[in-house]
Amino acid sequence: MTPDFLVVGAGVAGLRAAIELSRFGEVLVIAKAGLRESSSEYAQGGIAVALSDDDEVELHEQDTLAAGAGLCDPAAVHCLVEEGPACIQQLLDWGAQFDRKGDGFLFGLEGAHSRRRILHAKGDSTGREISRTLYREAVAHDNIHFRSHSAIVDLLMAGGEAAGALVYDESSHRQMRIYAHAVLLATGGMGRLFRYTTNPDVATGDGVAAAYRAGAQISDIEFIQFHPTALHLEGAPHFLLSEALRGEGAYLINTEGERFMPGYHERAELAPRDVVSRSIFKEMHRTGADHVFLDLRHLDAGFVRQRFPRIYDTCLAHGMDITSSLVPAAPAAHYSMGGVRTDLDGKTNIPRLYAAGEVASTGVHGANRLASNSLLEGVVFGARAGKAMQEWIGRAPAAAGEVPEPLLPVMEEPELRRLTWEDCGIRRHAQQLEAIIERLALTPMIPCREATTALYELRNMHTVAGLVARCALARRESRGAHFRADFPETLHEFQKHSLITKTNEVKFI
């Protein structure tokens, strides 16, 4: 099978790139699960863009840089916010329906934003609406083809260039080679690496792991954003309780009935996410509880039901009325700021290999992503990557060589997720990081006998856990979402990006 372009991942970034690529040739989009299962589908909070009358692109830029704790790439941030409004207009042209108030849009406020600039769809289903819009546009193109239940195993390489991907087809239980002139990784995040996460099960770091094994540069992978508030209710999933709840006035209350955020930050519940997550973690430790509460009882019940219908209905299905009860919440792994290092056009250090969306590290998020910038990143940089990849049309790669037989770790997934949560989680220390690095290094690796998607995922999670731990150990400071109990200060000497490859240990550039 030889399309002109192979897109691995069917979320916002992958679909937007595929639409752009359809102008230049045949496109194949593969998805590990169903075509509609991605982190994009679960994005509640919204998409940030400077469109309101009292907002400016420059203010959005300043807020993003401030949240990034000194590690944002200014050029990437400028690109994001400058091209954002036009990208939103394109979504509107394709039929996206965002919530409105009268003749204008209804803009929400979230933590670390200085203006109301968050567009929502159906209150708290923004990612689903954008994905729906892009999917409908993509299927209208005859030269965009889709293949579901196809998981990337490894990249196919030829003379140091990407020549396609080795894919595991779940329906036939066989590996297949897909060749292409250029490959885009749009595989999303890696939240399932952790015991508690808001991410769907497909978020296992597949793109980062495959790129690393092929020789790609991995950057800033230690910066994992832990969302402050995931539903913490026995028998319920760790469902995301959107930051927009706090943006609309919800309070955080500890188990002793005290509102505690004003004591931690001047912006209280609207402080940057890393601050709120660590504050909750401290309160949980201080009180001996495994959760805090979100309090919406002082807000108008009708407004809450209308503004957050998906959250309201989900919690109600688990016996929790958020308008009249305290809602138990705790932090959970949510977003990876780092990933496969790219330039502003999605190019990696491997010719013909591109990355966009959460799997990529453009530098746009720095050490701490500003709320609701992720969907915008997927749209903006997905389009840019699609435009850039057309340079390879008509220039087929050399024949790919043999792919080494996959080696699978002898480790149970729950153990791996427990280790990463305890040793690479919200609070880190050299002793913990050294312990998990040693444990992962000593894990027996055996040849793949009877492959399954789950085993390939475990292999990728094992690889990425090692990358996170090694980069977190090397960064001997605390910055943004990375907090070291043994190095609590932010140090100028580490105002650099981490970089690790298959052949080189961690360095900072």
Protein backbone atom coordinates (compact mmCIF):
# COMPACT_ATOMS: atom_id res chain seq x y z
CA MET A 1 0.00 0.00 0.00
CA THR A 2 1.62 3.26 -1.15
CA PRO A 3 -0.29 6.54 -0.65
CA ASP A 4 1.54 9.78 -1.28
CA PHE A 5 1.13 10.76 2.36
CA LEU A 6 0.56 8.73 5.51
CA VAL A 7 -1.08 10.41 8.52
CA VAL A 8 -0.89 8.41 11.75
CA GLY A 9 -3.74 9.63 13.96
CA ALA A 10 -7.26 10.90 13.31
CA GLY A 11 -7.58 13.69 15.90
CA VAL A 12 -7.70 17.41 15.16
CA ALA A 13 -4.06 17.72 14.02
CA GLY A 14 -4.18 14.64 11.81
CA LEU A 15 -7.48 15.51 10.14
CA ARG A 16 -6.48 19.13 9.55
CA ALA A 17 -3.21 18.01 7.97
CA ALA A 18 -5.00 15.43 5.81
CA ILE A 19 -7.35 18.10 4.44
CA GLU A 20 -4.37 20.26 3.53
CA LEU A 21 -2.50 17.31 1.99
CA SER A 22 -5.47 16.39 -0.19
CA ARG A 23 -4.50 19.31 -2.43
CA PHE A 24 -1.27 17.54 -3.34
CA GLY A 25 -1.91 13.78 -3.56
CA GLU A 26 -3.42 10.62 -2.11
CA VAL A 27 -3.67 10.60 1.68
CA LEU A 28 -4.14 7.65 4.03
CA VAL A 29 -5.21 8.37 7.63
CA ILE A 30 -4.83 5.48 10.05
CA ALA A 31 -6.27 5.29 13.55
CA LYS A 32 -5.39 2.82 16.29
CA ALA A 33 -9.00 2.49 17.41
CA GLY A 34 -12.14 3.88 15.80
CA LEU A 35 -11.80 6.97 13.67
CA ARG A 36 -13.60 9.07 16.26
CA GLU A 37 -11.59 7.96 19.34
CA SER A 38 -8.93 10.53 20.20
CA SER A 39 -8.06 13.02 22.92
CA SER A 40 -9.56 15.72 20.69
CA GLU A 41 -12.98 14.14 21.22
CA TYR A 42 -12.63 14.60 24.99
CA ALA A 43 -11.44 18.22 24.97
CA GLN A 44 -14.10 20.05 26.98
CA GLY A 45 -12.67 23.42 27.88
CA GLY A 46 -12.65 25.03 24.48
CA ILE A 47 -10.35 26.62 21.97
CA ALA A 48 -8.53 29.85 22.81
CA VAL A 49 -8.42 32.61 20.21
CA ALA A 50 -8.27 36.40 20.28
CA LEU A 51 -11.54 37.30 18.56
CA SER A 52 -13.53 39.29 21.15
CA ASP A 53 -13.79 43.08 20.99
CA ASP A 54 -11.76 43.58 24.19
CA ASP A 55 -9.01 41.10 23.24
CA GLU A 56 -5.87 41.31 21.12
CA VAL A 57 -3.52 38.76 19.59
CA GLU A 58 -0.68 40.36 21.56
CA LEU A 59 -2.49 39.70 24.87
CA HIS A 60 -3.03 36.05 23.97
CA GLU A 61 0.65 35.89 23.11
CA GLN A 62 1.67 37.41 26.44
CA ASP A 63 -0.56 35.04 28.43
CA THR A 64 0.87 32.00 26.62
CA LEU A 65 4.45 33.11 27.22
CA ALA A 66 3.74 33.81 30.90
CA ALA A 67 2.18 30.37 31.45
CA GLY A 68 5.12 28.66 29.74
CA ALA A 69 7.52 29.59 32.57
CA GLY A 70 10.33 30.84 30.37
CA LEU A 71 10.48 27.90 27.97
CA CYS A 72 8.09 28.88 25.19
CA ASP A 73 9.57 29.41 21.75
CA PRO A 74 8.43 33.00 21.01
CA ALA A 75 8.26 32.33 17.26
CA ALA A 76 6.02 29.31 17.80
CA VAL A 77 3.73 31.24 20.16
CA HIS A 78 3.48 34.13 17.71
CA CYS A 79 2.61 31.69 14.93
CA LEU A 80 -0.10 30.07 17.09
CA VAL A 81 -1.91 33.23 18.10
CA GLU A 82 -1.39 35.12 14.83
CA GLU A 83 -2.75 32.35 12.62
CA GLY A 84 -5.42 31.28 15.10
CA PRO A 85 -8.25 33.65 14.05
CA ALA A 86 -8.00 32.66 10.37
CA CYS A 87 -8.01 28.99 11.31
CA ILE A 88 -11.16 29.48 13.38
CA GLN A 89 -12.82 31.25 10.45
CA GLN A 90 -11.97 28.27 8.27
CA LEU A 91 -13.64 25.94 10.77
CA LEU A 92 -16.70 28.20 10.70
CA ASP A 93 -16.71 28.07 6.90
CA TRP A 94 -16.69 24.26 7.15
CA GLY A 95 -19.71 24.33 9.44
CA ALA A 96 -18.35 24.42 13.02
CA GLN A 97 -20.97 25.58 15.50
CA PHE A 98 -19.61 27.49 18.49
CA ASP A 99 -21.82 28.78 21.30
CA ARG A 100 -23.17 32.26 20.71
CA LYS A 101 -24.68 35.10 22.71
CA GLY A 102 -26.89 37.26 20.55
CA ASP A 103 -25.05 38.12 17.35
CA GLY A 104 -21.62 37.30 18.75
CA PHE A 105 -19.72 34.39 20.25
CA LEU A 106 -19.99 33.42 23.90
CA PHE A 107 -16.43 33.61 25.24
CA GLY A 108 -15.37 31.80 28.40
CA LEU A 109 -12.59 32.55 30.88
CA GLU A 110 -10.02 30.02 32.09
CA GLY A 111 -6.97 30.04 34.33
CA ALA A 112 -4.04 32.34 33.41
CA HIS A 113 -6.02 34.05 30.62
CA SER A 114 -6.31 37.82 30.97
CA ARG A 115 -9.43 38.00 28.78
CA ARG A 116 -12.50 35.95 28.00
CA ARG A 117 -11.30 34.29 24.79
CA ILE A 118 -12.36 30.64 25.02
CA LEU A 119 -14.80 29.50 22.35
CA HIS A 120 -17.00 26.54 23.31
CA ALA A 121 -19.38 24.24 21.51
CA LYS A 122 -22.48 22.84 23.24
CA GLY A 123 -21.02 24.15 26.49
CA ASP A 124 -18.35 21.53 27.09
CA SER A 125 -18.04 19.48 23.88
CA THR A 126 -15.69 21.69 21.89
CA GLY A 127 -13.20 19.01 20.86
CA ARG A 128 -16.03 16.80 19.65
CA GLU A 129 -17.48 19.61 17.53
CA ILE A 130 -14.14 20.51 15.93
CA SER A 131 -13.39 16.82 15.26
CA ARG A 132 -16.85 16.40 13.73
CA THR A 133 -16.30 19.41 11.49
CA LEU A 134 -12.88 18.28 10.28
CA TYR A 135 -13.98 14.68 9.75
CA ARG A 136 -16.96 15.78 7.67
CA GLU A 137 -14.70 17.99 5.56
CA ALA A 138 -12.09 15.24 5.19
CA VAL A 139 -14.50 12.54 3.99
CA ALA A 140 -15.72 14.94 1.32
CA HIS A 141 -12.31 14.57 -0.37
CA ASP A 142 -12.12 11.46 -2.57
CA ASN A 143 -8.35 11.23 -2.18
CA ILE A 144 -8.42 11.02 1.62
CA HIS A 145 -8.73 7.40 2.74
CA PHE A 146 -9.19 6.01 6.25
CA ARG A 147 -8.12 2.85 7.98
CA SER A 148 -9.23 2.15 11.56
CA HIS A 149 -7.92 -0.33 14.16
CA SER A 150 -4.41 -0.02 12.74
CA ALA A 151 -1.66 0.66 15.28
CA ILE A 152 1.80 1.91 14.36
CA VAL A 153 4.51 -0.57 15.37
CA ASP A 154 7.58 1.21 14.00
CA LEU A 155 8.59 3.62 11.28
CA LEU A 156 10.00 2.19 8.08
CA MET A 157 13.39 3.73 7.37
CA ALA A 158 15.44 3.98 4.16
CA GLY A 159 18.83 5.65 4.09
CA GLY A 160 18.09 7.69 7.20
CA GLU A 161 14.73 8.88 5.86
CA ALA A 162 11.19 7.88 6.80
CA ALA A 163 9.71 5.63 4.12
CA GLY A 164 6.41 4.71 5.78
CA ALA A 165 5.24 2.71 8.78
CA LEU A 166 4.94 -0.86 9.95
CA VAL A 167 1.35 -1.19 11.16
CA TYR A 168 -0.47 -3.86 13.16
CA ASP A 169 -3.88 -4.57 11.67
CA GLU A 170 -6.14 -5.68 14.49
CA SER A 171 -8.76 -7.28 12.24
CA SER A 172 -6.32 -9.68 10.56
CA HIS A 173 -3.88 -9.88 13.52
CA ARG A 174 -1.03 -9.23 11.11
CA GLN A 175 1.62 -6.62 10.50
CA MET A 176 1.52 -4.69 7.25
CA ARG A 177 3.88 -2.23 5.60
CA ILE A 178 2.51 1.10 4.43
CA TYR A 179 4.91 3.11 2.28
CA ALA A 180 4.55 6.83 1.64
CA HIS A 181 6.49 9.81 0.34
CA ALA A 182 6.15 11.49 3.74
CA VAL A 183 4.75 10.52 7.14
CA LEU A 184 2.96 12.68 9.71
CA LEU A 185 2.77 11.54 13.33
CA ALA A 186 -0.41 12.91 14.90
CA THR A 187 -0.84 10.21 17.53
CA GLY A 188 -1.76 12.49 20.44
CA GLY A 189 -0.58 12.17 24.01
CA MET A 190 0.55 9.63 26.57
CA GLY A 191 -1.71 10.10 29.59
CA ARG A 192 -2.35 6.37 29.97
CA LEU A 193 1.26 6.13 31.09
CA PHE A 194 -0.04 7.25 34.49
CA ARG A 195 -2.34 5.53 36.96
CA TYR A 196 -4.72 8.49 36.96
CA THR A 197 -5.44 10.30 33.71
CA THR A 198 -8.16 12.21 31.92
CA ASN A 199 -6.98 10.80 28.58
CA PRO A 200 -8.68 8.03 26.59
CA ASP A 201 -7.09 4.57 26.54
CA VAL A 202 -5.49 5.21 23.13
CA ALA A 203 -3.09 7.81 24.62
CA THR A 204 -0.05 5.55 25.08
CA GLY A 205 2.76 7.64 23.58
CA ASP A 206 2.97 5.57 20.39
CA GLY A 207 4.26 8.35 18.15
CA VAL A 208 6.97 9.48 20.56
CA ALA A 209 8.17 5.89 21.07
CA ALA A 210 8.22 5.03 17.35
CA ALA A 211 10.01 8.28 16.48
CA TYR A 212 12.58 7.75 19.25
CA ARG A 213 13.36 4.24 18.04
CA ALA A 214 13.85 5.64 14.52
CA GLY A 215 16.37 8.24 15.75
CA ALA A 216 14.18 11.34 16.15
CA GLN A 217 14.95 14.01 18.71
CA ILE A 218 12.63 14.04 21.73
CA SER A 219 12.36 17.36 23.57
CA ASP A 220 10.86 18.59 26.87
CA ILE A 221 9.22 15.22 27.52
CA GLU A 222 9.57 15.72 31.30
CA PHE A 223 6.85 18.40 31.24
CA ILE A 224 3.61 16.55 31.91
CA GLN A 225 0.62 18.67 32.75
CA PHE A 226 -1.53 17.27 35.52
CA HIS A 227 -5.02 18.67 35.27
CA PRO A 228 -6.07 19.91 38.72
CA THR A 229 -9.58 18.50 38.67
CA ALA A 230 -10.61 15.06 37.49
CA LEU A 231 -13.68 13.38 38.95
CA HIS A 232 -12.60 11.24 41.92
CA LEU A 233 -15.58 9.04 42.61
CA GLU A 234 -15.55 5.31 43.28
CA GLY A 235 -16.79 3.38 40.27
CA ALA A 236 -16.54 6.38 37.93
CA PRO A 237 -13.87 7.14 35.32
CA HIS A 238 -11.39 9.95 35.98
CA PHE A 239 -13.56 12.25 33.93
CA LEU A 240 -12.20 15.72 33.25
CA LEU A 241 -13.88 18.47 35.24
CA SER A 242 -13.09 21.35 32.94
CA GLU A 243 -11.09 24.36 34.05
CA ALA A 244 -14.01 26.36 32.70
CA LEU A 245 -15.93 25.37 35.84
CA ARG A 246 -13.50 27.44 37.86
CA GLY A 247 -13.56 30.08 35.14
CA GLU A 248 -17.28 30.47 35.76
CA GLY A 249 -16.81 30.78 39.52
CA ALA A 250 -16.47 27.30 41.06
CA TYR A 251 -14.39 27.14 44.27
CA LEU A 252 -11.93 24.53 45.46
CA ILE A 253 -12.69 23.28 48.97
CA ASN A 254 -10.61 20.87 51.05
CA THR A 255 -12.11 18.02 53.06
CA GLU A 256 -12.15 20.30 56.10
CA GLY A 257 -14.57 22.64 54.33
CA GLU A 258 -12.02 25.41 53.67
CA ARG A 259 -11.53 27.29 50.41
CA PHE A 260 -7.75 27.09 50.12
CA MET A 261 -6.57 28.51 46.78
CA PRO A 262 -6.48 32.20 47.87
CA GLY A 263 -3.73 31.14 50.31
CA TYR A 264 -1.59 29.75 47.50
CA HIS A 265 -1.91 32.28 44.68
CA GLU A 266 -3.28 35.76 44.11
CA ARG A 267 -5.49 34.50 41.27
CA ALA A 268 -6.90 31.76 43.52
CA GLU A 269 -8.75 29.12 41.45
CA LEU A 270 -7.67 30.85 38.22
CA ALA A 271 -3.95 30.42 38.86
CA PRO A 272 -1.93 28.48 36.23
CA ARG A 273 -2.69 24.76 36.15
CA ASP A 274 0.63 23.65 37.60
CA VAL A 275 0.10 25.91 40.62
CA VAL A 276 -3.44 24.66 41.19
CA SER A 277 -2.42 20.99 40.84
CA ARG A 278 0.45 21.29 43.30
CA SER A 279 -1.75 23.24 45.73
CA ILE A 280 -4.36 20.49 45.63
CA PHE A 281 -1.63 17.89 46.09
CA LYS A 282 -0.37 19.74 49.18
CA GLU A 283 -3.88 20.02 50.63
CA MET A 284 -4.49 16.33 50.08
CA HIS A 285 -1.20 15.50 51.82
CA ARG A 286 -1.92 17.91 54.67
CA THR A 287 -5.43 16.61 55.33
CA GLY A 288 -4.67 12.96 54.61
CA ALA A 289 -7.41 12.85 51.96
CA ASP A 290 -7.22 11.49 48.43
CA HIS A 291 -9.29 14.32 46.97
CA VAL A 292 -10.61 17.85 47.40
CA PHE A 293 -13.97 19.23 46.27
CA LEU A 294 -15.23 21.50 43.53
CA ASP A 295 -18.02 23.67 44.89
CA LEU A 296 -20.60 25.00 42.40
CA ARG A 297 -23.47 25.25 44.87
CA HIS A 298 -23.36 29.05 44.91
CA LEU A 299 -23.81 29.23 41.12
CA ASP A 300 -27.19 29.32 39.39
CA ALA A 301 -28.23 25.69 38.81
CA GLY A 302 -29.87 26.41 35.46
CA PHE A 303 -26.77 28.17 34.20
CA VAL A 304 -24.55 25.24 35.26
CA ARG A 305 -26.76 22.69 33.49
CA GLN A 306 -26.83 24.78 30.32
CA ARG A 307 -23.15 25.73 30.33
CA PHE A 308 -21.79 22.27 31.22
CA PRO A 309 -24.33 19.72 29.96
CA ARG A 310 -21.83 16.93 29.32
CA ILE A 311 -20.19 17.26 32.73
CA TYR A 312 -23.58 17.58 34.45
CA ASP A 313 -25.01 14.49 32.73
CA THR A 314 -21.89 12.38 33.29
CA CYS A 315 -21.73 13.17 37.00
CA LEU A 316 -25.48 12.67 37.38
CA ALA A 317 -25.15 9.22 35.80
CA HIS A 318 -22.82 8.38 38.69
CA GLY A 319 -25.20 9.74 41.32
CA MET A 320 -23.65 13.22 41.65
CA ASP A 321 -25.65 16.42 41.05
CA ILE A 322 -22.96 19.06 40.65
CA THR A 323 -25.43 21.90 41.24
CA SER A 324 -26.27 20.78 44.77
CA SER A 325 -23.38 18.57 45.94
CA LEU A 326 -19.67 19.02 46.53
CA VAL A 327 -17.89 17.25 43.67
CA PRO A 328 -14.85 15.14 44.69
CA ALA A 329 -11.86 15.92 42.47
CA ALA A 330 -8.14 15.20 42.30
CA PRO A 331 -5.31 15.87 39.81
CA ALA A 332 -4.72 13.49 36.91
CA ALA A 333 -2.24 13.32 34.02
CA HIS A 334 -3.67 15.38 31.21
CA TYR A 335 -1.25 16.71 28.59
CA SER A 336 2.34 16.37 27.43
CA MET A 337 4.04 19.66 26.57
CA GLY A 338 7.02 17.88 25.03
CA GLY A 339 7.39 15.20 22.39
CA VAL A 340 8.96 14.79 18.97
CA ARG A 341 10.99 17.93 18.32
CA THR A 342 9.82 19.86 15.24
CA ASP A 343 10.22 23.22 13.59
CA LEU A 344 7.24 25.48 12.87
CA ASP A 345 6.29 23.38 9.85
CA GLY A 346 6.23 20.08 11.69
CA LYS A 347 9.59 18.91 10.32
CA THR A 348 11.64 16.60 12.52
CA ASN A 349 15.35 15.86 12.27
CA ILE A 350 14.45 12.81 10.13
CA PRO A 351 13.75 13.71 6.48
CA ARG A 352 10.17 12.91 5.37
CA LEU A 353 9.01 12.59 8.99
CA TYR A 354 6.69 15.24 10.45
CA ALA A 355 4.73 15.59 13.69
CA ALA A 356 1.83 17.79 14.78
CA GLY A 357 -0.47 18.13 17.78
CA GLU A 358 0.27 16.78 21.22
CA VAL A 359 2.87 14.27 19.97
CA ALA A 360 5.03 17.18 18.76
CA SER A 361 7.26 19.57 20.67
CA THR A 362 7.15 22.89 18.84
CA GLY A 363 8.01 24.94 21.93
CA VAL A 364 4.59 26.61 21.84
CA HIS A 365 3.60 25.40 25.33
CA GLY A 366 6.93 25.79 27.10
CA ALA A 367 6.94 24.22 30.55
CA ASN A 368 3.21 24.65 31.15
CA ARG A 369 0.43 24.77 28.54
CA LEU A 370 -2.00 27.66 28.72
CA ALA A 371 -5.55 26.34 29.00
CA SER A 372 -7.37 25.70 25.70
CA ASN A 373 -4.32 26.29 23.51
CA SER A 374 -4.07 22.61 22.56
CA LEU A 375 -6.98 22.45 20.12
CA LEU A 376 -5.71 25.65 18.51
CA GLU A 377 -2.24 24.11 18.22
CA GLY A 378 -3.69 21.05 16.49
CA VAL A 379 -5.52 23.16 13.93
CA VAL A 380 -2.72 25.68 13.26
CA PHE A 381 0.24 23.31 13.18
CA GLY A 382 -1.68 20.50 11.52
CA ALA A 383 -2.33 22.85 8.60
CA ARG A 384 1.28 24.02 8.54
CA ALA A 385 2.62 20.46 8.50
CA GLY A 386 0.25 19.53 5.67
CA LYS A 387 1.49 22.45 3.57
CA ALA A 388 5.14 21.61 4.25
CA MET A 389 4.84 17.90 3.42
CA GLN A 390 3.90 18.60 -0.19
CA GLU A 391 7.58 19.14 -0.98
CA TRP A 392 7.94 15.35 -1.18
CA ILE A 393 5.22 14.75 -3.76
CA GLY A 394 6.63 12.77 -6.67
CA ARG A 395 9.84 12.00 -4.75
CA ALA A 396 9.43 8.44 -3.55
CA PRO A 397 11.80 7.27 -0.80
CA ALA A 398 14.30 4.47 -1.27
CA ALA A 399 13.29 0.91 -0.46
CA ALA A 400 12.93 0.41 3.28
CA GLY A 401 15.17 -1.99 5.11
CA GLU A 402 14.22 -4.68 7.58
CA VAL A 403 12.63 -3.65 10.85
CA PRO A 404 14.15 -5.19 14.00
CA GLU A 405 11.86 -7.67 15.72
CA PRO A 406 9.91 -5.86 18.44
CA LEU A 407 10.97 -6.72 21.98
CA LEU A 408 8.22 -6.57 24.57
CA PRO A 409 8.73 -5.76 28.27
CA VAL A 410 7.89 -8.41 30.84
CA MET A 411 5.87 -6.10 33.07
CA GLU A 412 2.22 -5.73 33.91
CA GLU A 413 0.66 -2.47 32.74
CA PRO A 414 -0.84 -1.61 36.18
CA GLU A 415 2.63 -1.83 37.72
CA LEU A 416 4.09 0.48 35.08
CA ARG A 417 1.31 3.02 35.57
CA ARG A 418 1.71 2.90 39.35
CA LEU A 419 5.47 3.48 39.06
CA THR A 420 5.10 6.48 36.76
CA TRP A 421 2.39 8.01 38.95
CA GLU A 422 4.41 7.61 42.15
CA ASP A 423 7.90 8.38 40.79
CA CYS A 424 7.29 10.69 37.79
CA GLY A 425 4.10 12.38 38.95
CA ILE A 426 3.27 15.79 40.39
CA ARG A 427 6.10 15.71 42.95
CA ARG A 428 9.46 14.28 41.89
CA HIS A 429 12.73 13.50 43.66
CA ALA A 430 16.08 12.12 42.49
CA GLN A 431 15.70 8.95 44.56
CA GLN A 432 12.34 8.15 43.00
CA LEU A 433 13.50 8.96 39.49
CA GLU A 434 16.64 6.87 39.84
CA ALA A 435 14.56 3.98 41.17
CA ILE A 436 12.15 3.93 38.24
CA ILE A 437 14.97 4.31 35.71
CA GLU A 438 16.69 1.28 37.24
CA ARG A 439 13.45 -0.71 37.37
CA LEU A 440 12.71 -0.01 33.72
CA ALA A 441 16.27 -0.78 32.65
CA LEU A 442 16.16 -4.15 34.42
CA THR A 443 12.82 -5.17 32.88
CA PRO A 444 13.31 -8.35 30.83
CA MET A 445 12.57 -7.85 27.13
CA ILE A 446 11.35 -10.79 25.08
CA PRO A 447 10.69 -11.25 21.34
CA CYS A 448 7.17 -10.64 20.17
CA ARG A 449 5.46 -14.01 19.69
CA GLU A 450 1.73 -13.30 19.54
CA ALA A 451 1.35 -9.60 19.03
CA THR A 452 -1.66 -7.59 20.11
CA THR A 453 -2.35 -3.88 20.13
CA ALA A 454 -2.17 -3.96 23.94
CA LEU A 455 1.33 -5.47 23.89
CA TYR A 456 2.57 -2.90 21.40
CA GLU A 457 1.09 -0.19 23.60
CA LEU A 458 2.86 -1.60 26.66
CA ARG A 459 6.13 -1.55 24.71
CA ASN A 460 5.61 2.11 23.84
CA MET A 461 4.61 3.06 27.37
CA HIS A 462 7.73 1.36 28.73
CA THR A 463 9.89 3.33 26.27
CA VAL A 464 8.26 6.69 26.99
CA ALA A 465 8.28 6.19 30.77
CA GLY A 466 12.05 5.84 30.57
CA LEU A 467 12.34 9.04 28.53
CA VAL A 468 10.22 11.02 30.99
CA ALA A 469 12.18 9.74 33.99
CA ARG A 470 15.62 10.34 32.45
CA CYS A 471 14.79 13.88 31.35
CA ALA A 472 13.12 14.68 34.69
CA LEU A 473 16.22 13.47 36.53
CA ALA A 474 18.50 15.59 34.35
CA ARG A 475 16.44 18.76 34.89
CA ARG A 476 17.64 19.65 38.39
CA GLU A 477 15.18 22.49 38.99
CA SER A 478 11.46 23.11 39.26
CA ARG A 479 9.78 24.83 36.33
CA GLY A 480 6.17 24.86 35.17
CA ALA A 481 4.65 21.40 35.37
CA HIS A 482 7.97 19.83 36.44
CA PHE A 483 8.42 19.99 40.21
CA ARG A 484 11.48 18.57 41.97
CA ALA A 485 11.17 18.39 45.77
CA ASP A 486 14.99 18.22 45.99
CA PHE A 487 15.44 21.18 43.58
CA PRO A 488 12.45 23.45 44.28
CA GLU A 489 13.94 26.60 42.70
CA THR A 490 13.68 27.70 39.07
CA LEU A 491 17.23 28.15 37.76
CA HIS A 492 18.39 30.30 34.86
CA GLU A 493 20.92 27.66 33.78
CA PHE A 494 18.01 25.33 32.98
CA GLN A 495 16.06 27.83 30.89
CA LYS A 496 16.74 25.51 27.99
CA HIS A 497 14.97 22.66 26.22
CA SER A 498 15.86 19.09 27.08
CA LEU A 499 16.87 16.88 24.17
CA ILE A 500 17.33 13.12 24.08
CA THR A 501 17.89 10.67 21.22
CA LYS A 502 18.44 6.93 20.90
CA THR A 503 22.20 7.50 20.65
CA ASN A 504 22.66 10.44 23.05
CA GLU A 505 21.82 11.02 26.70
CA VAL A 506 19.92 14.10 27.88
CA LYS A 507 21.36 17.47 26.99
CA PHE A 508 19.97 20.99 27.19
CA ILE A 509 19.90 23.40 24.25
